[in-house]
Amino acid sequence: MISRRTFIQSLAATPLLPSLRAQETERFPPVRAITRGPKFHWFAYYDKQQFDPTNRFILANEVDFEHRSPKPDDLIRIGMVDLQDGDKWIELGESRAWNWQQGCMLQWVPGTVSTVMWNDRQDDHFVCHIMDVKTGSRRTVPHPIYALSPDGNWGISPDFRRLNDTRPGYGYCGVPDPNRDVLAPEDAGIWKTDMETGTQTLLLSLADVAKVPQPGGFSNGSKHWFNHLLVAPDGKRFTFLHRWRGEAEGKGWKTRQFTVGADGKDLHLLNPSGKVSHFIWRDATHILAYAGWDEQLWRFQVFEDKTNKAGVIEGMLPADGHCTYLPGNEWILCDTYPDAERNQKPYLFHLPTGRLRLLGKFQSPKEYAGEWRCDTHPRSSRDGKFACIDSPHAGGRQLHLIDLRSITG
């Protein structure tokens, strides 16, 4: 196996980080709140496109309560903020299929100028709405979507009913999981949906993936589920996390990461370590992930698809965070969970120089914990000049815009 040090020189191309000067960490860039109370606002996950192609409109969810799990009748409002008109809130719709960590999968549809999508619940099933925000025209696909292809023509999704049972905060309530007592069902897994016709196909079942040998095997009574799906930038493959919990895991779980062709074939076990967290595609063949590998150390590492190669990104903070690349792939945008003082710290890391710049310290009160915590989940504008975060530091979760231009140039 290629060493991590050798591989990082050829793949990650990241020098060691010089000592971080204290004055650099305190020169925070400008930040402003772009939503306000009395209601609460957030976008949720970091790997969805929040900014429209012009970088004028920012999508967001609106809710009138915090600090508890959603109930079936709880709805959120869907809207967008106009950055060029006093941060005006423009309402677009509503949803009853949502959670605190990933909202309702609200996002701009790739390959379009003014089209958005979000998940909802109608009676006893989940659906996806597709709306043109300029004309107001809307249609509904009869299945929920987790991640879209780069051309917006198809989407993939796990079983949100099972997610609500296995990992509250990521699934949708209101529809019980018919396979709740089945450890690895054959009729549930990852579905592919044609966004024009609504036709849905089961690409991989949980039973299929549970049959892929795992070093050391699965513990007794392991229950399996899928989470965190993301399509590669060229649309040819996608990646997902396979998680399980048995007697040995207790209330925790273990995770391995796979990649697979867009047709559900050519399955590849990217990381069998049992230690995988947040990730993002860097390009069509490489994935940046916070994971254990080789010596089983949790670090940010670049994995090469369909190989056993991985290399640590030297200089990034060693703590878990939500990572994305700014356009051009020279800068990595990431964050941290609350530290001992309950501060969350989004930051930028410059790959060519190893320079790390904190973007601020955002207080997260102790009430924001567990399922209804408020991670910053930094998302960049299409041109990489701004980042948007969710944060409760000013009294309730709201959206805040950070100006990156003084750092990235």
Protein backbone atom coordinates (compact mmCIF):
# COMPACT_ATOMS: atom_id res chain seq x y z
CA MET A 1 0.00 0.00 0.00
CA ILE A 2 1.28 3.45 -0.86
CA SER A 3 2.26 5.46 2.22
CA ARG A 4 0.17 8.42 3.26
CA ARG A 5 3.22 10.70 3.05
CA THR A 6 4.03 9.65 -0.51
CA PHE A 7 0.45 9.85 -1.63
CA ILE A 8 -0.13 13.29 -0.19
CA GLN A 9 2.80 14.65 -2.22
CA SER A 10 1.27 13.42 -5.47
CA LEU A 11 -2.42 13.84 -4.68
CA ALA A 12 -3.17 16.34 -1.93
CA ALA A 13 -0.12 18.49 -2.68
CA THR A 14 -0.38 20.17 0.71
CA PRO A 15 2.69 21.41 2.63
CA LEU A 16 2.93 21.31 6.38
CA LEU A 17 1.12 24.16 8.10
CA PRO A 18 3.46 26.76 9.64
CA SER A 19 2.77 27.89 13.17
CA LEU A 20 -0.52 29.76 13.20
CA ARG A 21 0.07 33.34 14.28
CA ALA A 22 -2.36 34.55 16.91
CA GLN A 23 -3.02 37.82 15.10
CA GLU A 24 -4.11 35.94 11.98
CA THR A 25 -6.78 34.03 13.88
CA GLU A 26 -8.28 37.24 15.27
CA ARG A 27 -8.58 39.21 12.03
CA PHE A 28 -12.01 37.95 11.27
CA PRO A 29 -13.71 38.98 8.02
CA PRO A 30 -16.97 41.02 7.98
CA VAL A 31 -20.14 39.13 8.88
CA ARG A 32 -23.78 40.17 8.96
CA ALA A 33 -27.08 38.53 9.86
CA ILE A 34 -29.33 38.19 6.81
CA THR A 35 -32.37 36.75 8.62
CA ARG A 36 -33.96 37.91 11.83
CA GLY A 37 -36.58 36.98 14.44
CA PRO A 38 -39.03 36.48 15.88
CA LYS A 39 -38.99 33.29 13.77
CA PHE A 40 -35.92 31.12 13.33
CA HIS A 41 -34.10 30.48 10.06
CA TRP A 42 -31.50 28.02 8.82
CA PHE A 43 -30.49 26.24 5.62
CA ALA A 44 -29.00 23.07 7.11
CA TYR A 45 -26.50 20.93 5.24
CA TYR A 46 -23.22 22.01 3.72
CA ASP A 47 -23.19 20.00 0.47
CA LYS A 48 -26.25 21.59 -1.18
CA GLN A 49 -26.28 24.70 -3.38
CA GLN A 50 -27.79 27.54 -1.32
CA PHE A 51 -26.87 30.50 -3.57
CA ASP A 52 -28.60 31.07 -6.91
CA PRO A 53 -26.41 31.42 -10.04
CA THR A 54 -26.32 35.22 -9.66
CA ASN A 55 -25.37 35.01 -5.94
CA ARG A 56 -28.25 37.38 -5.18
CA PHE A 57 -30.76 34.97 -3.63
CA ILE A 58 -30.06 32.63 -0.71
CA LEU A 59 -32.42 29.79 0.18
CA ALA A 60 -33.55 29.18 3.77
CA ASN A 61 -36.06 27.39 5.99
CA GLU A 62 -38.22 29.20 8.56
CA VAL A 63 -39.72 27.72 11.74
CA ASP A 64 -41.38 29.15 14.86
CA PHE A 65 -39.92 26.81 17.52
CA GLU A 66 -36.63 25.18 18.57
CA HIS A 67 -35.22 22.62 21.03
CA ARG A 68 -37.45 19.62 20.29
CA SER A 69 -37.97 16.98 17.64
CA PRO A 70 -40.34 17.75 14.75
CA LYS A 71 -43.84 16.29 15.00
CA PRO A 72 -45.82 15.07 11.97
CA ASP A 73 -47.93 18.23 11.83
CA ASP A 74 -45.02 20.66 12.28
CA LEU A 75 -44.37 22.58 9.09
CA ILE A 76 -41.56 24.85 8.00
CA ARG A 77 -41.76 27.69 5.52
CA ILE A 78 -39.53 27.65 2.47
CA GLY A 79 -38.14 30.92 1.19
CA MET A 80 -35.20 32.91 -0.10
CA VAL A 81 -33.39 36.05 1.01
CA ASP A 82 -32.79 38.85 -1.49
CA LEU A 83 -29.30 40.19 -0.71
CA GLN A 84 -29.84 43.19 -2.98
CA ASP A 85 -33.13 44.31 -1.46
CA GLY A 86 -32.46 44.71 2.25
CA ASP A 87 -32.29 40.95 2.86
CA LYS A 88 -36.02 40.70 2.14
CA TRP A 89 -37.64 37.34 2.86
CA ILE A 90 -39.52 35.90 -0.13
CA GLU A 91 -41.75 32.95 0.74
CA LEU A 92 -41.90 30.05 -1.72
CA GLY A 93 -43.79 27.23 0.01
CA GLU A 94 -43.86 24.89 3.00
CA SER A 95 -42.84 21.38 4.03
CA ARG A 96 -43.84 18.68 6.50
CA ALA A 97 -40.85 16.47 5.65
CA TRP A 98 -37.86 17.95 7.42
CA ASN A 99 -35.29 17.60 10.18
CA TRP A 100 -32.93 19.89 12.06
CA GLN A 101 -29.69 18.74 10.44
CA GLN A 102 -30.64 18.66 6.77
CA GLY A 103 -33.89 20.60 6.60
CA CYS A 104 -36.05 19.40 3.70
CA MET A 105 -33.15 19.10 1.20
CA LEU A 106 -33.95 22.57 -0.13
CA GLN A 107 -31.51 23.51 -2.93
CA TRP A 108 -31.13 25.10 -6.35
CA VAL A 109 -31.49 22.51 -9.11
CA PRO A 110 -28.19 22.15 -11.00
CA GLY A 111 -28.22 23.24 -14.61
CA THR A 112 -31.07 25.71 -14.08
CA VAL A 113 -31.24 29.47 -13.55
CA SER A 114 -34.22 29.84 -11.25
CA THR A 115 -35.43 26.38 -10.20
CA VAL A 116 -35.42 25.04 -6.64
CA MET A 117 -36.47 21.74 -5.07
CA TRP A 118 -37.46 20.56 -1.62
CA ASN A 119 -39.04 17.51 0.00
CA ASP A 120 -42.50 17.39 1.54
CA ARG A 121 -45.03 14.88 2.89
CA GLN A 122 -48.41 14.31 1.29
CA ASP A 123 -50.65 12.03 3.35
CA ASP A 124 -48.59 8.89 4.02
CA HIS A 125 -45.74 9.33 1.55
CA PHE A 126 -42.88 11.72 0.88
CA VAL A 127 -42.55 13.75 -2.32
CA CYS A 128 -40.32 16.39 -3.92
CA HIS A 129 -41.53 19.77 -5.18
CA ILE A 130 -39.77 21.49 -8.09
CA MET A 131 -40.47 25.20 -8.49
CA ASP A 132 -39.40 28.01 -10.81
CA VAL A 133 -39.04 30.99 -8.48
CA LYS A 134 -39.44 33.49 -11.34
CA THR A 135 -42.71 32.18 -12.77
CA GLY A 136 -44.07 30.46 -9.66
CA SER A 137 -44.84 27.31 -11.64
CA ARG A 138 -44.51 24.12 -9.60
CA ARG A 139 -44.71 20.39 -10.14
CA THR A 140 -44.32 17.45 -7.78
CA VAL A 141 -42.22 14.30 -8.16
CA PRO A 142 -43.83 11.38 -6.23
CA HIS A 143 -40.61 10.51 -4.33
CA PRO A 144 -38.24 12.40 -2.00
CA ILE A 145 -34.71 13.30 -3.12
CA TYR A 146 -31.48 13.41 -1.16
CA ALA A 147 -28.92 14.40 -3.82
CA LEU A 148 -29.21 15.51 -7.44
CA SER A 149 -27.07 14.74 -10.48
CA PRO A 150 -24.96 17.63 -11.87
CA ASP A 151 -27.44 18.10 -14.74
CA GLY A 152 -30.47 17.90 -12.44
CA ASN A 153 -32.03 15.09 -14.48
CA TRP A 154 -32.04 12.45 -11.76
CA GLY A 155 -31.75 12.15 -8.02
CA ILE A 156 -30.94 9.51 -5.42
CA SER A 157 -32.36 8.94 -1.97
CA PRO A 158 -32.17 6.55 1.00
CA ASP A 159 -35.17 5.44 3.06
CA PHE A 160 -36.07 8.56 5.07
CA ARG A 161 -38.47 6.47 7.19
CA ARG A 162 -35.61 4.23 8.30
CA LEU A 163 -33.33 7.21 8.88
CA ASN A 164 -35.87 8.72 11.25
CA ASP A 165 -35.77 5.50 13.24
CA THR A 166 -32.01 4.88 13.22
CA ARG A 167 -30.68 8.47 13.30
CA PRO A 168 -33.18 11.10 14.50
CA GLY A 169 -32.30 14.46 13.01
CA TYR A 170 -31.71 13.06 9.51
CA GLY A 171 -34.94 11.27 8.58
CA TYR A 172 -38.56 12.43 8.36
CA CYS A 173 -41.31 11.68 10.85
CA GLY A 174 -44.96 11.03 9.97
CA VAL A 175 -44.54 7.74 8.09
CA PRO A 176 -43.37 4.66 10.05
CA ASP A 177 -40.65 2.39 8.68
CA PRO A 178 -42.30 -0.86 7.50
CA ASN A 179 -38.92 -2.59 7.94
CA ARG A 180 -38.24 -1.34 11.43
CA ASP A 181 -37.63 -4.85 12.75
CA VAL A 182 -35.71 -6.06 9.67
CA LEU A 183 -31.94 -5.77 10.08
CA ALA A 184 -31.09 -5.51 6.37
CA PRO A 185 -34.22 -5.40 4.18
CA GLU A 186 -34.16 -6.37 0.51
CA ASP A 187 -36.83 -3.86 -0.52
CA ALA A 188 -35.22 -0.72 0.90
CA GLY A 189 -31.93 1.01 0.23
CA ILE A 190 -30.91 3.61 -2.35
CA TRP A 191 -33.41 4.63 -5.03
CA LYS A 192 -32.79 6.55 -8.26
CA THR A 193 -35.56 8.86 -9.49
CA ASP A 194 -36.02 10.37 -12.94
CA MET A 195 -36.80 14.02 -12.16
CA GLU A 196 -38.92 14.44 -15.30
CA THR A 197 -41.05 11.29 -15.24
CA GLY A 198 -40.90 10.50 -11.52
CA THR A 199 -39.95 6.88 -12.28
CA GLN A 200 -38.09 5.31 -9.35
CA THR A 201 -35.66 2.36 -9.37
CA LEU A 202 -34.08 0.57 -6.41
CA LEU A 203 -30.34 0.58 -7.24
CA LEU A 204 -28.94 -1.02 -4.08
CA SER A 205 -30.74 -2.69 -1.21
CA LEU A 206 -29.51 -2.76 2.36
CA ALA A 207 -29.37 -6.53 2.04
CA ASP A 208 -27.03 -6.19 -0.97
CA VAL A 209 -24.52 -3.98 0.83
CA ALA A 210 -24.70 -5.91 4.11
CA LYS A 211 -23.45 -8.94 2.16
CA VAL A 212 -20.22 -7.13 1.23
CA PRO A 213 -17.61 -8.58 3.64
CA GLN A 214 -16.47 -6.29 6.42
CA PRO A 215 -13.09 -6.86 8.13
CA GLY A 216 -13.93 -8.33 11.52
CA GLY A 217 -17.55 -8.81 10.47
CA PHE A 218 -20.65 -7.10 11.86
CA SER A 219 -21.56 -7.38 15.51
CA ASN A 220 -24.48 -9.53 16.58
CA GLY A 221 -27.90 -8.03 15.79
CA SER A 222 -26.51 -5.27 13.55
CA LYS A 223 -29.16 -3.08 11.98
CA HIS A 224 -28.13 -1.41 8.73
CA TRP A 225 -28.97 1.91 7.09
CA PHE A 226 -27.68 4.36 4.47
CA ASN A 227 -26.97 8.08 4.88
CA HIS A 228 -25.09 10.96 3.23
CA LEU A 229 -25.40 10.36 -0.51
CA LEU A 230 -23.58 12.60 -2.98
CA VAL A 231 -23.17 12.41 -6.77
CA ALA A 232 -19.74 12.95 -8.35
CA PRO A 233 -19.18 16.17 -10.30
CA ASP A 234 -19.29 14.32 -13.64
CA GLY A 235 -22.46 12.40 -12.74
CA LYS A 236 -20.94 9.00 -13.46
CA ARG A 237 -20.77 7.73 -9.88
CA PHE A 238 -22.05 8.55 -6.42
CA THR A 239 -20.89 7.86 -2.89
CA PHE A 240 -22.76 6.96 0.29
CA LEU A 241 -22.23 5.90 3.88
CA HIS A 242 -23.26 2.45 5.08
CA ARG A 243 -23.87 2.46 8.84
CA TRP A 244 -24.75 -0.27 11.29
CA ARG A 245 -25.43 -0.68 14.98
CA GLY A 246 -25.38 -3.98 16.87
CA GLU A 247 -24.63 -5.27 20.34
CA ALA A 248 -21.00 -4.11 20.19
CA GLU A 249 -21.90 -0.56 19.10
CA GLY A 250 -24.50 0.11 21.78
CA LYS A 251 -25.99 3.55 21.13
CA GLY A 252 -23.23 4.39 18.65
CA TRP A 253 -22.59 3.02 15.18
CA LYS A 254 -19.84 2.18 12.72
CA THR A 255 -19.51 3.50 9.20
CA ARG A 256 -17.93 2.51 5.93
CA GLN A 257 -17.98 4.44 2.66
CA PHE A 258 -18.79 3.14 -0.81
CA THR A 259 -18.80 4.52 -4.33
CA VAL A 260 -20.90 3.06 -7.12
CA GLY A 261 -21.85 3.76 -10.72
CA ALA A 262 -24.91 5.87 -11.46
CA ASP A 263 -26.60 2.66 -12.63
CA GLY A 264 -25.98 0.91 -9.30
CA LYS A 265 -23.19 -1.25 -10.71
CA ASP A 266 -19.43 -1.38 -10.12
CA LEU A 267 -19.69 -1.08 -6.33
CA HIS A 268 -16.42 -0.12 -4.61
CA LEU A 269 -15.66 -0.17 -0.88
CA LEU A 270 -13.73 3.08 -0.54
CA ASN A 271 -13.07 2.92 3.21
CA PRO A 272 -13.78 -0.19 5.33
CA SER A 273 -12.27 1.25 8.53
CA GLY A 274 -15.62 1.74 10.28
CA LYS A 275 -14.60 5.39 10.80
CA VAL A 276 -16.04 7.85 8.29
CA SER A 277 -17.81 11.14 8.92
CA HIS A 278 -18.24 14.20 6.65
CA PHE A 279 -17.00 14.25 3.08
CA ILE A 280 -17.16 16.05 -0.28
CA TRP A 281 -16.15 15.19 -3.84
CA ARG A 282 -13.05 17.18 -4.85
CA ASP A 283 -13.38 16.10 -8.47
CA ALA A 284 -14.75 13.10 -10.36
CA THR A 285 -12.23 10.65 -8.86
CA HIS A 286 -11.26 12.03 -5.44
CA ILE A 287 -13.16 12.49 -2.18
CA LEU A 288 -12.12 14.58 0.83
CA ALA A 289 -13.36 12.95 4.03
CA TYR A 290 -12.87 13.15 7.78
CA ALA A 291 -12.10 9.51 8.42
CA GLY A 292 -9.90 6.88 9.96
CA TRP A 293 -7.50 5.09 7.59
CA ASP A 294 -4.18 3.29 7.57
CA GLU A 295 -3.18 3.90 11.20
CA GLN A 296 -6.87 4.45 12.05
CA LEU A 297 -6.34 8.12 12.92
CA TRP A 298 -9.28 10.47 12.41
CA ARG A 299 -8.06 13.18 10.05
CA PHE A 300 -9.10 14.97 6.87
CA GLN A 301 -7.90 12.77 4.05
CA VAL A 302 -8.22 12.59 0.26
CA PHE A 303 -9.37 9.21 -1.06
CA GLU A 304 -8.91 8.15 -4.66
CA ASP A 305 -11.94 6.31 -6.02
CA LYS A 306 -11.62 2.66 -7.05
CA THR A 307 -8.20 2.34 -5.37
CA ASN A 308 -6.90 1.83 -1.85
CA LYS A 309 -5.06 5.16 -1.84
CA ALA A 310 -5.57 7.87 0.77
CA GLY A 311 -3.51 10.85 1.92
CA VAL A 312 -3.84 13.17 4.92
CA ILE A 313 -4.33 16.89 4.31
CA GLU A 314 -1.61 18.19 6.59
CA GLY A 315 -2.50 21.47 8.28
CA MET A 316 -6.27 21.24 8.49
CA LEU A 317 -7.64 21.26 12.00
CA PRO A 318 -7.64 17.68 13.37
CA ALA A 319 -11.27 17.98 14.53
CA ASP A 320 -14.32 16.83 12.55
CA GLY A 321 -16.08 19.43 10.43
CA HIS A 322 -18.23 20.06 7.37
CA CYS A 323 -15.91 20.44 4.38
CA THR A 324 -16.36 21.85 0.87
CA TYR A 325 -14.06 23.31 -1.78
CA LEU A 326 -14.33 26.86 -3.05
CA PRO A 327 -14.42 27.15 -6.86
CA GLY A 328 -11.00 26.25 -8.24
CA ASN A 329 -10.24 23.78 -5.41
CA GLU A 330 -7.44 25.89 -3.89
CA TRP A 331 -9.38 26.68 -0.71
CA ILE A 332 -11.24 24.29 1.59
CA LEU A 333 -14.13 25.76 3.59
CA CYS A 334 -14.77 23.93 6.84
CA ASP A 335 -15.87 24.38 10.47
CA THR A 336 -15.67 22.87 13.94
CA TYR A 337 -18.12 21.68 16.53
CA PRO A 338 -18.42 23.72 19.76
CA ASP A 339 -15.20 23.82 21.78
CA ALA A 340 -14.91 23.97 25.59
CA GLU A 341 -16.24 27.53 25.49
CA ARG A 342 -19.10 26.52 23.14
CA ASN A 343 -17.54 28.40 20.20
CA GLN A 344 -17.96 27.07 16.67
CA LYS A 345 -15.21 28.11 14.26
CA PRO A 346 -15.69 28.11 10.50
CA TYR A 347 -12.38 28.45 8.68
CA LEU A 348 -10.62 28.48 5.32
CA PHE A 349 -7.60 26.35 4.49
CA HIS A 350 -5.37 27.27 1.51
CA LEU A 351 -3.95 24.13 -0.07
CA PRO A 352 -1.03 25.67 -2.02
CA THR A 353 0.44 27.45 1.03
CA GLY A 354 -0.94 25.57 4.03
CA ARG A 355 -2.43 28.80 5.37
CA LEU A 356 -5.38 28.50 7.75
CA ARG A 357 -7.70 31.42 8.53
CA LEU A 358 -10.49 31.37 11.09
CA LEU A 359 -13.64 33.17 9.93
CA GLY A 360 -14.99 33.86 13.40
CA LYS A 361 -16.01 32.39 16.73
CA PHE A 362 -19.74 31.79 17.00
CA GLN A 363 -21.21 30.92 20.38
CA SER A 364 -23.58 27.94 20.49
CA PRO A 365 -25.60 27.94 23.75
CA LYS A 366 -25.77 24.63 25.57
CA GLU A 367 -29.44 24.23 24.65
CA TYR A 368 -28.31 23.55 21.08
CA ALA A 369 -27.20 19.96 21.46
CA GLY A 370 -27.98 16.53 20.10
CA GLU A 371 -30.66 16.24 17.45
CA TRP A 372 -31.53 19.96 17.43
CA ARG A 373 -27.98 21.35 17.59
CA CYS A 374 -27.18 24.15 15.13
CA ASP A 375 -23.96 23.38 13.26
CA THR A 376 -22.60 26.24 11.18
CA HIS A 377 -22.49 24.06 8.01
CA PRO A 378 -20.64 26.71 5.91
CA ARG A 379 -21.77 27.03 2.27
CA SER A 380 -20.01 29.19 -0.32
CA SER A 381 -21.45 31.41 -3.02
CA ARG A 382 -21.04 30.28 -6.61
CA ASP A 383 -18.09 32.64 -7.09
CA GLY A 384 -16.45 31.78 -3.74
CA LYS A 385 -16.57 35.39 -2.49
CA PHE A 386 -19.00 34.77 0.39
CA ALA A 387 -19.93 32.03 2.83
CA CYS A 388 -23.22 31.55 4.62
CA ILE A 389 -23.55 29.83 7.99
CA ASP A 390 -26.31 28.88 10.40
CA SER A 391 -25.67 30.06 13.95
CA PRO A 392 -27.65 30.74 17.16
CA HIS A 393 -25.03 33.06 18.68
CA ALA A 394 -27.23 36.18 18.47
CA GLY A 395 -30.32 34.56 20.02
CA GLY A 396 -31.94 31.76 18.03
CA ARG A 397 -30.69 30.17 14.83
CA GLN A 398 -30.35 32.59 11.93
CA LEU A 399 -28.36 32.88 8.69
CA HIS A 400 -25.15 34.93 8.66
CA LEU A 401 -23.17 36.03 5.60
CA ILE A 402 -19.36 36.12 5.78
CA ASP A 403 -17.35 38.20 3.29
CA LEU A 404 -14.34 36.11 2.16
CA ARG A 405 -12.88 38.55 -0.34
CA SER A 406 -10.24 39.97 1.99
CA ILE A 407 -8.86 36.45 2.44
CA THR A 408 -9.26 34.81 -0.96
CA GLY A 409 -8.62 37.93 -3.02
